[in-house]
């Protein structure tokens, strides 16, 4: 509303700046024309002053110009002998003026139309004063017509200005409405995207629950057979292999139970975890994948950092997913580095690779279920989604984006278990 008022005021100011000088100039032109007309009467009075008295009546024009003669300067006499009195004329004669302008009342008192009149004054050699008084009716009418045309032009200009201003306001309002509509549609689209994402996550949870239920039976069979074989092992190598099978089977069961708890909306376990130990355990679980791909995995240097609170299995799985994603993005001979950074009472697990990097639009969609840039059959698009959900369940967050110097940086941020944390990096 304020913008519209300012626009109207700007239009009015523009019209005033354009038209007021024209109106003033027209007034000056009318005044100049009236002065010229008065000079004409003065010239006529001089001519009449040298003419015989009997010829003065010839200078009169019925209804528009009269001749006056005076010897005393106070009373004036027309050629017909009529005596008239006019104070403005008497004062002008006393001052020695050549011309004088008479108002409407003074002109009407002399028998002229009730309009402005001008008088020219001349003094003869024999001591007489000859005055020619003429009505400026035609000049005033001409001036009025000019002013009317000017006012009409001003009115038309104002109407055009307001018309174009109205159109501009209408277009501006339409543009604002369009912007609001676009914002509303974008909000609706974001809402639809969130709903679709929530639906995907719900579907994924139901799917994972079903898979976990189906896996439980064969997993129990594998565990039972492994325990049966443990009593028949004949050498140390076989014993270690069977122990590894049983250990990994129990770990799978634990992971399944934890994910089912998350799917049911249960809060994760809150045990205190040492960050470097967690990162080392996750690194050992993916060593064989890095060795097969020919990618080097650097271990971070241990320093004194605060512990984090959460579920050991879930956080370990989240880091495994980040490490595997970095391995898949790297070529043979390249290096993946891990870091633990502490800042503002938060502990961040950073995984940096030297691959081709990640585009901003891809990074924005990296946590969408089933979104992947890998070749068909090489990825499900769920690894980073799971890492993101695990971070959220631990009141943390997951961030992925381009790394300074090339490659990609994936960061899993978690609240520190120790509330007194100073900024430092490892």
Protein backbone atom coordinates (compact mmCIF):
# COMPACT_ATOMS: atom_id res chain seq x y z
CA UNK A 1 0.00 0.00 0.00
CA UNK A 2 2.78 2.41 0.89
CA UNK A 3 4.47 1.72 -2.43
CA UNK A 4 1.25 2.54 -4.28
CA UNK A 5 0.87 5.86 -2.42
CA UNK A 6 4.46 6.78 -3.25
CA UNK A 7 3.83 6.00 -6.93
CA UNK A 8 0.72 8.23 -7.00
CA UNK A 9 2.64 11.06 -5.31
CA UNK A 10 5.44 10.66 -7.86
CA UNK A 11 2.92 10.93 -10.71
CA UNK A 12 1.37 14.07 -9.18
CA UNK A 13 4.81 15.60 -8.72
CA UNK A 14 5.75 14.85 -12.34
CA UNK A 15 2.50 16.44 -13.60
CA UNK A 16 3.05 19.51 -11.40
CA UNK A 17 6.67 19.95 -12.48
CA UNK A 18 5.63 19.72 -16.14
CA UNK A 19 2.44 21.81 -16.15
CA UNK A 20 2.90 24.54 -13.53
CA UNK A 21 5.68 26.31 -15.49
CA UNK A 22 3.46 26.21 -18.59
CA UNK A 23 0.59 27.80 -16.64
CA UNK A 24 2.85 30.53 -15.24
CA UNK A 25 4.23 31.21 -18.72
CA UNK A 26 0.69 31.56 -20.08
CA UNK A 27 -0.12 34.09 -17.34
CA UNK A 28 2.98 36.10 -18.22
CA UNK A 29 2.05 36.03 -21.91
CA UNK A 30 -1.44 37.37 -21.07
CA UNK A 31 0.06 40.17 -18.95
CA UNK A 32 2.49 41.08 -21.74
CA UNK A 33 -0.33 41.18 -24.30
CA UNK A 34 -2.34 43.47 -21.99
CA UNK A 35 0.67 45.80 -21.61
CA UNK A 36 1.11 45.96 -25.38
CA UNK A 37 -2.58 46.75 -25.76
CA UNK A 38 -2.21 49.60 -23.23
CA UNK A 39 0.70 51.00 -25.27
CA UNK A 40 -1.51 50.96 -28.33
CA UNK A 41 -4.06 53.11 -26.46
CA UNK A 42 -1.28 55.49 -25.43
CA UNK A 43 -0.25 55.87 -29.08
CA UNK A 44 -3.87 56.47 -30.02
CA UNK A 45 -4.15 59.16 -27.31
CA UNK A 46 -1.11 60.95 -28.73
CA UNK A 47 -2.66 60.92 -32.19
CA UNK A 48 -5.95 62.18 -30.79
CA UNK A 49 -4.10 64.95 -28.92
CA UNK A 50 -2.92 66.55 -32.15
CA UNK A 51 -6.29 66.15 -33.87
CA UNK A 52 -9.00 68.87 -33.69
CA UNK A 53 -11.46 68.48 -30.83
CA UNK A 54 -14.28 67.95 -33.25
CA UNK A 55 -12.57 64.81 -34.56
CA UNK A 56 -12.18 63.10 -31.16
CA UNK A 57 -15.43 61.21 -31.59
CA UNK A 58 -13.95 59.48 -34.63
CA UNK A 59 -11.48 57.66 -32.34
CA UNK A 60 -14.27 56.06 -30.33
CA UNK A 61 -15.55 52.53 -30.97
CA UNK A 62 -19.05 51.86 -29.77
CA UNK A 63 -18.96 49.67 -26.70
CA UNK A 64 -15.22 48.98 -26.70
CA UNK A 65 -13.27 52.28 -26.75
CA UNK A 66 -14.06 55.81 -25.53
CA UNK A 67 -12.26 59.15 -25.70
CA UNK A 68 -11.89 61.43 -22.66
CA UNK A 69 -10.51 64.93 -22.36
CA UNK A 70 -9.58 66.83 -19.23
CA UNK A 71 -8.13 70.18 -18.39
CA UNK A 72 -8.15 69.90 -14.58
CA UNK A 73 -7.07 66.25 -14.20
CA UNK A 74 -10.01 65.36 -11.95
CA UNK A 75 -13.05 65.37 -14.22
CA UNK A 76 -13.11 63.99 -17.72
CA UNK A 77 -15.41 64.84 -20.58
CA UNK A 78 -16.43 62.69 -23.54
CA UNK A 79 -16.75 64.22 -27.06
CA UNK A 80 -20.54 64.14 -26.53
CA UNK A 81 -20.12 66.47 -23.54
CA UNK A 82 -20.81 63.81 -20.90
CA UNK A 83 -18.76 64.38 -17.76
CA UNK A 84 -17.35 61.28 -16.06
CA UNK A 85 -15.29 60.77 -12.95
CA UNK A 86 -12.64 58.06 -12.52
CA UNK A 87 -10.29 58.04 -9.57
CA UNK A 88 -7.80 55.57 -11.16
CA UNK A 89 -7.54 57.82 -14.22
CA UNK A 90 -7.18 60.94 -12.08
CA UNK A 91 -4.43 59.30 -10.02
CA UNK A 92 -2.60 58.13 -13.16
CA UNK A 93 -2.74 61.66 -14.64
CA UNK A 94 -1.46 63.08 -11.36
CA UNK A 95 1.45 60.64 -11.38
CA UNK A 96 2.24 61.36 -15.01
CA UNK A 97 1.70 57.73 -16.10
CA UNK A 98 1.52 56.89 -19.79
CA UNK A 99 -0.74 53.85 -19.31
CA UNK A 100 -3.01 52.53 -16.59
CA UNK A 101 -5.07 49.38 -16.12
CA UNK A 102 -8.66 49.64 -14.95
CA UNK A 103 -10.55 46.99 -13.06
CA UNK A 104 -13.95 45.62 -13.99
CA UNK A 105 -15.92 48.07 -11.82
CA UNK A 106 -14.01 51.09 -13.08
CA UNK A 107 -14.49 49.99 -16.71
CA UNK A 108 -18.23 49.47 -16.16
CA UNK A 109 -18.52 52.96 -14.57
CA UNK A 110 -17.16 54.43 -17.82
CA UNK A 111 -19.77 52.56 -19.89
CA UNK A 112 -17.46 49.79 -21.08
CA UNK A 113 -18.02 46.01 -20.64
CA UNK A 114 -17.39 44.74 -17.15
CA UNK A 115 -13.97 43.44 -18.00
CA UNK A 116 -10.42 44.67 -17.54
CA UNK A 117 -9.70 47.84 -19.57
CA UNK A 118 -6.52 49.77 -20.40
CA UNK A 119 -6.09 53.50 -20.82
CA UNK A 120 -3.49 55.47 -22.70
CA UNK A 121 -2.74 59.04 -21.54
CA UNK A 122 -1.28 61.86 -23.66
CA UNK A 123 -0.74 65.58 -22.86
CA UNK A 124 -1.22 68.19 -25.60
CA UNK A 125 0.72 71.41 -26.08
CA UNK A 126 -2.28 73.54 -25.20
CA UNK A 127 -2.49 71.95 -21.71
CA UNK A 128 -5.18 69.40 -22.34
CA UNK A 129 -5.04 65.71 -21.30
CA UNK A 130 -6.40 63.19 -23.77
CA UNK A 131 -7.26 59.71 -22.54
CA UNK A 132 -8.16 56.68 -24.68
CA UNK A 133 -9.86 53.92 -22.67
CA UNK A 134 -10.35 50.53 -24.41
CA UNK A 135 -11.82 47.27 -23.13
CA UNK A 136 -9.45 44.31 -23.13
CA UNK A 137 -12.39 41.94 -23.46
CA UNK A 138 -11.03 40.20 -26.53
CA UNK A 139 -7.58 39.81 -24.91
CA UNK A 140 -9.03 38.44 -21.73
CA UNK A 141 -11.25 36.02 -23.65
CA UNK A 142 -8.26 34.91 -25.65
CA UNK A 143 -6.23 34.45 -22.47
CA UNK A 144 -9.06 32.51 -20.84
CA UNK A 145 -9.32 30.24 -23.85
CA UNK A 146 -5.55 29.65 -23.76
CA UNK A 147 -5.73 28.89 -20.05
CA UNK A 148 -8.66 26.56 -20.62
CA UNK A 149 -6.70 24.72 -23.30
CA UNK A 150 -3.72 24.52 -20.98
CA UNK A 151 -5.87 23.22 -18.10
CA UNK A 152 -7.43 20.72 -20.48
CA UNK A 153 -3.96 19.59 -21.50
CA UNK A 154 -2.95 19.31 -17.84
CA UNK A 155 -6.07 17.28 -17.11
CA UNK A 156 -5.42 14.99 -20.08
CA UNK A 157 -1.76 14.61 -19.05
CA UNK A 158 -2.82 13.81 -15.48
CA UNK A 159 -5.40 11.28 -16.69
CA UNK A 160 -2.82 9.65 -18.94
CA UNK A 161 -0.28 9.60 -16.11
CA UNK A 162 -2.78 8.10 -13.71
CA UNK A 163 -3.92 5.70 -16.40
CA UNK A 164 -0.42 4.45 -17.08
CA UNK A 165 0.27 4.51 -13.32
CA UNK A 166 -2.85 2.44 -12.75
CA UNK A 167 -1.75 -0.03 -15.39
CA UNK A 168 1.70 -0.17 -13.80
CA UNK A 169 0.15 -0.78 -10.38
CA UNK A 170 -2.09 -3.46 -11.82
CA UNK A 171 0.86 -5.17 -13.50
CA UNK A 172 2.88 -4.88 -10.30
CA UNK A 173 0.05 -6.33 -8.25
CA UNK A 174 -0.35 -9.12 -10.79
CA UNK A 175 3.39 -9.80 -10.56
CA UNK A 176 3.18 -9.93 -6.75
CA UNK A 177 0.24 -12.30 -6.93
CA UNK A 178 2.19 -14.46 -9.37
CA UNK A 179 5.19 -14.47 -7.04
CA UNK A 180 2.97 -15.43 -4.12
CA UNK A 181 1.44 -18.18 -6.22
CA UNK A 182 4.89 -19.47 -7.18
CA UNK A 183 5.98 -19.42 -3.53
CA UNK A 184 2.81 -21.27 -2.55
CA UNK A 185 3.32 -23.88 -5.26
CA UNK A 186 6.96 -24.32 -4.27
CA UNK A 187 5.87 -24.81 -0.66
CA UNK A 188 3.28 -27.35 -1.79
CA UNK A 189 5.89 -29.10 -3.90
CA UNK A 190 8.30 -29.26 -0.96
CA UNK A 191 5.50 -30.60 1.20
CA UNK A 192 4.69 -33.24 -1.41
CA UNK A 193 8.38 -34.15 -1.61
CA UNK A 194 8.54 -34.52 2.18
CA UNK A 195 5.43 -36.69 2.12
CA UNK A 196 6.88 -38.81 -0.67
CA UNK A 197 10.14 -39.14 1.25
CA UNK A 198 8.27 -40.09 4.42
CA UNK A 199 6.29 -42.64 2.41
CA UNK A 200 9.51 -44.08 1.00
CA UNK A 201 10.99 -44.30 4.47
CA UNK A 202 7.85 -45.99 5.77
CA UNK A 203 7.96 -48.42 2.87
CA UNK A 204 11.63 -49.05 3.50
CA UNK A 205 10.93 -49.65 7.20
CA UNK A 206 8.17 -52.13 6.44
CA UNK A 207 10.35 -53.78 3.81
CA UNK A 208 13.29 -54.00 6.23
CA UNK A 209 11.03 -55.45 8.93
CA UNK A 210 9.86 -58.14 6.54
CA UNK A 211 13.39 -58.95 5.42
CA UNK A 212 14.60 -59.09 9.04
CA UNK A 213 11.84 -61.55 9.89
CA UNK A 214 12.73 -63.74 6.90
CA UNK A 215 16.47 -63.60 7.65
CA UNK A 216 16.01 -64.59 11.29
CA UNK A 217 15.21 -68.25 10.47
CA UNK A 218 18.19 -69.06 8.17
CA UNK A 219 20.44 -67.03 10.45
CA UNK A 220 19.45 -69.27 13.36
CA UNK A 221 20.18 -72.33 11.25
CA UNK A 222 23.66 -70.99 10.35
CA UNK A 223 24.41 -70.24 14.02
CA UNK A 224 23.24 -73.71 15.14
CA UNK A 225 25.27 -75.52 12.47
CA UNK A 226 28.35 -73.48 13.33
CA UNK A 227 28.03 -74.43 16.99
CA UNK A 228 27.66 -78.09 15.99
CA UNK A 229 30.81 -77.89 13.90
CA UNK A 230 32.79 -76.23 16.68
CA UNK A 231 32.95 -79.50 18.60
CA UNK A 232 34.31 -81.34 15.55
CA UNK A 233 37.08 -78.90 14.65
CA UNK A 234 40.42 -80.68 14.34
CA UNK A 235 42.78 -77.72 14.02
CA UNK A 236 43.14 -74.14 15.26
CA UNK A 237 42.37 -72.62 11.84
CA UNK A 238 38.99 -74.35 11.64
CA UNK A 239 38.19 -73.33 15.22
CA UNK A 240 38.90 -69.66 14.42
CA UNK A 241 36.77 -69.83 11.27
CA UNK A 242 33.83 -71.34 13.12
CA UNK A 243 34.18 -68.75 15.90
CA UNK A 244 34.15 -65.96 13.32
CA UNK A 245 30.94 -67.38 11.80
CA UNK A 246 29.24 -67.46 15.18
CA UNK A 247 30.51 -63.98 16.09
CA UNK A 248 29.35 -62.41 12.84
CA UNK A 249 26.01 -64.20 13.06
CA UNK A 250 25.40 -62.68 16.49
CA UNK A 251 26.44 -59.27 15.15
CA UNK A 252 23.92 -59.56 12.32
CA UNK A 253 21.24 -60.46 14.84
CA UNK A 254 22.14 -57.43 16.93
CA UNK A 255 22.01 -55.14 13.90
CA UNK A 256 18.62 -56.57 12.89
CA UNK A 257 17.22 -56.04 16.40
CA UNK A 258 18.53 -52.48 16.47
CA UNK A 259 17.06 -51.57 13.08
CA UNK A 260 13.73 -53.09 14.06
CA UNK A 261 13.76 -50.93 17.18
CA UNK A 262 14.36 -47.86 15.03
CA UNK A 263 11.57 -48.88 12.67
CA UNK A 264 9.22 -49.09 15.65
CA UNK A 265 10.26 -45.60 16.74
CA UNK A 266 12.12 -46.70 19.86
CA UNK A 267 15.01 -44.48 21.00
CA UNK A 268 18.51 -45.88 20.46
CA UNK A 269 20.66 -47.16 23.29
CA UNK A 270 22.63 -44.48 25.15
CA UNK A 271 26.03 -45.97 25.99
CA UNK A 272 29.23 -43.94 26.15
CA UNK A 273 31.47 -44.66 23.17
CA UNK A 274 35.09 -43.73 22.52
CA UNK A 275 35.17 -42.07 19.02
CA UNK A 276 38.51 -43.47 17.82
CA UNK A 277 37.63 -46.98 18.93
CA UNK A 278 34.34 -46.72 17.04
CA UNK A 279 36.13 -45.49 13.90
CA UNK A 280 38.76 -48.24 14.11
CA UNK A 281 36.11 -50.95 14.48
CA UNK A 282 34.25 -49.63 11.42
CA UNK A 283 37.53 -49.47 9.46
CA UNK A 284 38.37 -53.12 10.28
CA UNK A 285 34.98 -54.18 8.93
CA UNK A 286 35.68 -52.65 5.49
CA UNK A 287 39.40 -53.42 5.14
CA UNK A 288 38.78 -56.25 2.69
CA UNK A 289 36.73 -53.98 0.40
CA UNK A 290 39.49 -51.35 0.31
CA UNK A 291 42.14 -54.01 -0.35
CA UNK A 292 40.11 -55.46 -3.22
CA UNK A 293 39.62 -52.00 -4.77
CA UNK A 294 43.28 -50.97 -4.31
CA UNK A 295 42.25 -47.89 -2.30
CA UNK A 296 44.35 -46.81 0.69
CA UNK A 297 42.58 -46.19 4.00
CA UNK A 298 44.38 -43.87 6.42
CA UNK A 299 43.75 -44.28 10.14
CA UNK A 300 43.43 -41.06 12.17
CA UNK A 301 45.97 -40.10 14.80
CA UNK A 302 44.61 -40.65 18.27
CA UNK A 303 44.14 -37.59 20.50
CA UNK A 304 42.16 -36.79 23.61
CA UNK A 305 38.57 -36.20 22.50
CA UNK A 306 35.27 -36.47 24.41
CA UNK A 307 33.11 -39.52 24.16
CA UNK A 308 29.77 -39.72 22.37
CA UNK A 309 26.57 -41.32 23.60
CA UNK A 310 24.57 -43.70 21.44
CA UNK A 311 24.09 -47.19 20.07
CA UNK A 312 27.42 -48.83 19.24
CA UNK A 313 26.03 -51.06 16.46
CA UNK A 314 24.08 -48.24 14.74
CA UNK A 315 26.92 -45.73 14.79
CA UNK A 316 29.34 -48.37 13.61
CA UNK A 317 27.02 -49.20 10.71
CA UNK A 318 26.68 -45.52 9.80
CA UNK A 319 30.49 -45.14 9.60
CA UNK A 320 30.74 -48.37 7.58
CA UNK A 321 28.31 -46.92 5.05
CA UNK A 322 30.34 -43.68 4.78
CA UNK A 323 33.60 -45.61 4.31
CA UNK A 324 32.11 -47.90 1.65
CA UNK A 325 30.66 -44.89 -0.19
CA UNK A 326 34.11 -43.23 -0.19
CA UNK A 327 35.73 -46.46 -1.40
CA UNK A 328 33.27 -46.76 -4.29
CA UNK A 329 33.98 -43.12 -5.28
CA UNK A 330 37.76 -43.67 -5.40
CA UNK A 331 40.02 -45.20 -8.01
CA UNK A 332 42.85 -47.64 -7.38
CA UNK A 333 45.83 -45.88 -5.81
CA UNK A 334 43.77 -43.06 -4.33
CA UNK A 335 43.46 -42.45 -0.60
CA UNK A 336 40.55 -42.18 1.84
CA UNK A 337 41.29 -40.27 5.06
CA UNK A 338 39.35 -40.30 8.32
CA UNK A 339 39.34 -37.57 10.95
CA UNK A 340 37.66 -36.81 14.26
CA UNK A 341 36.91 -33.11 14.72
CA UNK A 342 35.55 -31.55 17.93
CA UNK A 343 33.84 -28.18 17.74
CA UNK A 344 31.12 -26.43 19.75
CA UNK A 345 30.32 -29.47 21.94
CA UNK A 346 29.90 -31.71 18.89
CA UNK A 347 32.07 -34.60 17.71
CA UNK A 348 32.32 -35.05 13.94
CA UNK A 349 33.51 -38.18 12.13
CA UNK A 350 34.88 -37.00 8.75
CA UNK A 351 35.56 -39.28 5.79
CA UNK A 352 37.43 -37.63 2.88
CA UNK A 353 38.09 -39.20 -0.51
CA UNK A 354 40.10 -38.09 -3.55
CA UNK A 355 37.51 -39.07 -6.16
CA UNK A 356 35.79 -36.90 -8.75
CA UNK A 357 33.79 -35.06 -6.10
CA UNK A 358 30.05 -34.55 -5.76
CA UNK A 359 27.90 -31.96 -7.51
CA UNK A 360 25.77 -29.68 -5.26
CA UNK A 361 22.51 -30.96 -6.78
CA UNK A 362 23.58 -34.56 -6.20
CA UNK A 363 24.64 -33.73 -2.61
CA UNK A 364 21.18 -32.24 -2.00
CA UNK A 365 19.55 -35.55 -3.01
CA UNK A 366 22.11 -37.89 -1.48
CA UNK A 367 19.84 -38.74 1.47
CA UNK A 368 16.77 -39.52 -0.66
CA UNK A 369 15.79 -43.20 -0.45
CA UNK A 370 16.91 -45.25 -3.48
CA UNK A 371 18.70 -42.28 -5.11
CA UNK A 372 22.09 -43.32 -6.49
CA UNK A 373 24.50 -42.25 -9.22
CA UNK A 374 26.15 -45.65 -9.39
CA UNK A 375 25.67 -48.03 -12.28
CA UNK A 376 22.70 -50.42 -12.07
CA UNK A 377 23.52 -53.30 -9.76
CA UNK A 378 26.33 -51.38 -8.03
CA UNK A 379 24.28 -49.64 -5.33
CA UNK A 380 20.84 -49.47 -3.76
CA UNK A 381 20.80 -45.79 -2.77
CA UNK A 382 20.19 -46.67 0.88
CA UNK A 383 23.65 -46.44 2.50
CA UNK A 384 23.66 -42.66 3.02
CA UNK A 385 19.94 -42.69 3.82
CA UNK A 386 20.59 -45.10 6.69
CA UNK A 387 23.56 -43.03 7.90
CA UNK A 388 21.37 -39.89 7.85
CA UNK A 389 18.56 -41.57 9.80
CA UNK A 390 21.02 -42.93 12.38
CA UNK A 391 22.46 -39.41 12.83
CA UNK A 392 18.95 -37.99 13.37
CA UNK A 393 18.10 -40.67 15.97
CA UNK A 394 21.21 -39.59 17.89
CA UNK A 395 20.30 -35.86 17.76
CA UNK A 396 23.06 -35.32 15.22
CA UNK A 397 23.22 -34.68 11.53
CA UNK A 398 24.82 -36.00 8.36
CA UNK A 399 26.45 -33.65 5.80
CA UNK A 400 28.03 -34.47 2.46
CA UNK A 401 29.54 -32.10 -0.08
CA UNK A 402 32.58 -31.19 -2.20
CA UNK A 403 35.94 -31.23 -0.41
CA UNK A 404 38.39 -28.35 -0.68
CA UNK A 405 41.09 -29.46 -3.12
CA UNK A 406 38.88 -32.04 -4.83
CA UNK A 407 36.96 -35.11 -3.84
CA UNK A 408 34.12 -35.45 -1.36
CA UNK A 409 33.78 -34.93 2.38
CA UNK A 410 31.16 -36.89 4.36
CA UNK A 411 30.61 -35.75 7.95
CA UNK A 412 28.66 -37.47 10.72
CA UNK A 413 28.12 -34.99 13.58
CA UNK A 414 27.04 -36.17 17.04
CA UNK A 415 26.60 -34.38 20.39
CA UNK A 416 29.53 -34.87 22.72
CA UNK A 417 28.86 -36.85 25.90
CA UNK A 418 31.13 -34.47 27.82
CA UNK A 419 29.43 -31.02 28.04
CA UNK A 420 32.73 -29.14 28.51
CA UNK A 421 34.23 -29.38 25.05
CA UNK A 422 36.79 -27.00 23.56
CA UNK A 423 37.39 -26.70 19.83
CA UNK A 424 40.16 -28.98 18.61
CA UNK A 425 40.74 -31.42 15.72
CA UNK A 426 42.43 -34.77 15.33
